[in-house]
Protein backbone atom coordinates (compact mmCIF):
# COMPACT_ATOMS: atom_id res chain seq x y z
CA MET A 1 0.00 0.00 0.00
CA VAL A 2 2.88 2.38 0.75
CA PHE A 3 4.22 1.69 -2.73
CA ASP A 4 0.83 2.58 -4.26
CA GLY A 5 0.82 5.88 -2.39
CA LEU A 6 4.35 6.72 -3.49
CA PHE A 7 3.51 5.76 -7.06
CA LYS A 8 0.49 8.08 -7.07
CA LEU A 9 2.59 10.89 -5.62
CA PHE A 10 5.29 10.39 -8.27
CA THR A 11 2.62 10.32 -10.99
CA LYS A 12 1.30 13.72 -9.86
CA PHE A 13 4.86 15.05 -9.75
CA GLN A 14 5.60 13.71 -13.23
CA VAL A 15 2.45 15.25 -14.72
CA ALA A 16 3.22 18.61 -13.09
CA ILE A 17 6.85 18.71 -14.28
CA PHE A 18 5.94 17.49 -17.76
CA ARG A 19 3.32 20.24 -18.13
CA LEU A 20 5.45 22.93 -16.47
CA THR A 21 8.32 22.24 -18.88
CA ASN A 22 6.10 21.52 -21.91
CA GLY A 23 7.49 17.98 -22.00
CA LYS A 24 11.14 18.94 -21.78
CA TYR A 25 11.50 16.91 -18.56
CA LEU A 26 10.03 13.58 -17.48
CA ALA A 27 8.91 12.75 -21.03
CA SER A 28 10.57 9.34 -20.85
CA MET A 29 10.81 6.45 -18.42
CA ARG A 30 12.87 3.29 -18.60
CA GLY A 31 14.02 4.26 -22.09
CA MET A 32 10.49 4.70 -23.42
CA PRO A 33 8.79 7.94 -24.47
CA VAL A 34 5.93 9.11 -22.27
CA LEU A 35 2.75 10.97 -23.12
CA LEU A 36 0.11 12.35 -20.80
CA LEU A 37 -3.31 10.82 -21.39
CA THR A 38 -6.27 12.85 -20.15
CA THR A 39 -9.57 10.99 -19.97
CA VAL A 40 -12.92 11.97 -18.50
CA GLY A 41 -13.66 10.10 -15.28
CA ARG A 42 -16.57 7.77 -15.96
CA LYS A 43 -17.97 8.26 -12.45
CA THR A 44 -16.94 11.85 -11.70
CA GLY A 45 -16.94 13.50 -15.11
CA LEU A 46 -13.66 15.15 -14.11
CA PRO A 47 -10.47 15.11 -16.18
CA ARG A 48 -7.97 12.43 -15.15
CA THR A 49 -4.38 12.58 -16.39
CA THR A 50 -1.99 9.65 -16.46
CA PRO A 51 1.58 9.47 -17.81
CA LEU A 52 1.97 6.44 -20.06
CA MET A 53 4.71 4.94 -22.16
CA TYR A 54 3.87 4.63 -25.83
CA ILE A 55 5.01 3.44 -29.21
CA ARG A 56 4.15 5.01 -32.55
CA ASP A 57 2.02 3.42 -35.23
CA GLY A 58 2.09 5.63 -38.29
CA GLU A 59 0.50 8.94 -37.27
CA GLY A 60 -1.02 7.37 -34.16
CA TYR A 61 0.14 6.45 -30.69
CA VAL A 62 -0.25 3.11 -28.94
CA ILE A 63 -0.51 2.74 -25.16
CA THR A 64 -0.72 -0.46 -23.16
CA ALA A 65 -3.09 -1.11 -20.24
CA SER A 66 -0.60 -3.29 -18.35
CA ASN A 67 -1.14 -1.80 -14.88
CA ASN A 68 2.32 -3.17 -14.06
CA GLY A 69 1.04 -6.73 -14.49
CA ARG A 70 -1.75 -6.46 -11.96
CA ASP A 71 -4.85 -8.61 -12.43
CA ASN A 72 -7.10 -5.55 -12.75
CA ALA A 73 -7.01 -3.09 -15.62
CA PRO A 74 -6.03 0.53 -14.92
CA ALA A 75 -8.87 3.01 -14.28
CA TRP A 76 -7.94 5.07 -17.34
CA LEU A 77 -8.92 2.13 -19.57
CA TYR A 78 -12.48 2.12 -18.21
CA ASN A 79 -12.64 5.89 -18.56
CA LEU A 80 -11.70 5.88 -22.24
CA GLN A 81 -14.03 2.97 -22.96
CA ALA A 82 -16.87 5.09 -21.52
CA SER A 83 -15.69 8.21 -23.38
CA PRO A 84 -13.13 7.58 -26.16
CA GLN A 85 -12.44 11.28 -26.81
CA VAL A 86 -9.16 12.04 -25.03
CA GLU A 87 -6.35 14.56 -24.96
CA ILE A 88 -2.71 13.63 -25.19
CA ASP A 89 0.22 15.80 -24.22
CA LEU A 90 3.53 15.22 -25.96
CA PRO A 91 6.67 17.32 -25.79
CA GLY A 92 5.71 20.65 -27.32
CA LYS A 93 2.11 19.81 -28.22
CA ARG A 94 -1.33 18.84 -26.99
CA LEU A 95 -3.64 16.87 -29.26
CA LYS A 96 -7.21 15.68 -29.20
CA ALA A 97 -7.47 12.00 -30.07
CA THR A 98 -9.92 9.15 -30.30
CA ALA A 99 -9.08 5.97 -28.42
CA SER A 100 -9.99 2.45 -29.47
CA LEU A 101 -8.89 -0.99 -28.38
CA ALA A 102 -6.40 -2.58 -30.73
CA THR A 103 -7.83 -5.44 -32.74
CA THR A 104 -6.27 -8.87 -32.37
CA ALA A 105 -4.40 -8.35 -35.64
CA GLU A 106 -3.12 -4.94 -34.53
CA LYS A 107 -2.02 -6.32 -31.17
CA ASP A 108 -0.30 -9.30 -32.85
CA ARG A 109 1.64 -6.81 -34.99
CA LEU A 110 2.37 -4.24 -32.27
CA TRP A 111 3.14 -6.35 -29.19
CA PRO A 112 6.52 -7.59 -30.53
CA ILE A 113 7.47 -3.99 -31.41
CA LEU A 114 6.61 -2.89 -27.86
CA VAL A 115 8.50 -5.77 -26.23
CA ALA A 116 11.57 -5.17 -28.43
CA GLN A 117 11.72 -1.62 -27.01
CA ALA A 118 10.57 -2.46 -23.49
CA PRO A 119 11.02 -6.14 -22.55
CA PHE A 120 9.47 -5.55 -19.11
CA PHE A 121 6.02 -5.44 -20.76
CA ASP A 122 6.38 -9.15 -21.50
CA ASP A 123 7.11 -9.67 -17.78
CA TYR A 124 3.86 -7.84 -16.98
CA ARG A 125 2.00 -10.15 -19.36
CA LYS A 126 3.43 -13.20 -17.57
CA LYS A 127 2.41 -11.85 -14.13
CA THR A 128 -1.31 -11.64 -14.89
CA SER A 129 -3.98 -14.00 -16.12
CA ARG A 130 -5.83 -11.23 -17.98
CA GLN A 131 -5.22 -10.23 -21.55
CA ILE A 132 -3.38 -6.90 -21.54
CA PRO A 133 -5.13 -4.52 -23.94
CA MET A 134 -3.33 -2.18 -26.26
CA VAL A 135 -5.07 1.09 -27.10
CA MET A 136 -4.80 2.99 -30.35
CA LEU A 137 -4.85 6.77 -30.07
CA LYS A 138 -5.75 8.46 -33.33
CA PRO A 139 -5.15 12.23 -33.37
CA GLY A 140 -7.82 14.45 -34.82
């Protein structure tokens, strides 16, 4: 539980520094680029911002709902399923985007690309019995 509290505190710190510096600082973690995903809370209707690692897919961005290998999906996944219109912050820009779950074919193509860049995602997959969704973020 202490770890969860520290993680939430670091997340707030990361979002604040990322925004304060327009993505100049804390825009990467563990060798992966980070974006800020802002969803609308499905219960509260309030904006919720989460820093997430991503890979590119053409003009789009792909995030992974690993939740560090936990058996439950992260809250942001439920939020974007309820309301797929999101905002993403990247270094130097903020974009509106539409989120959708990757199809099986998309995930089959993208998962090896993700794991080649960040092998720890495969460890997350091995830690949980759930299928880890990948989410496509299409700007526009």
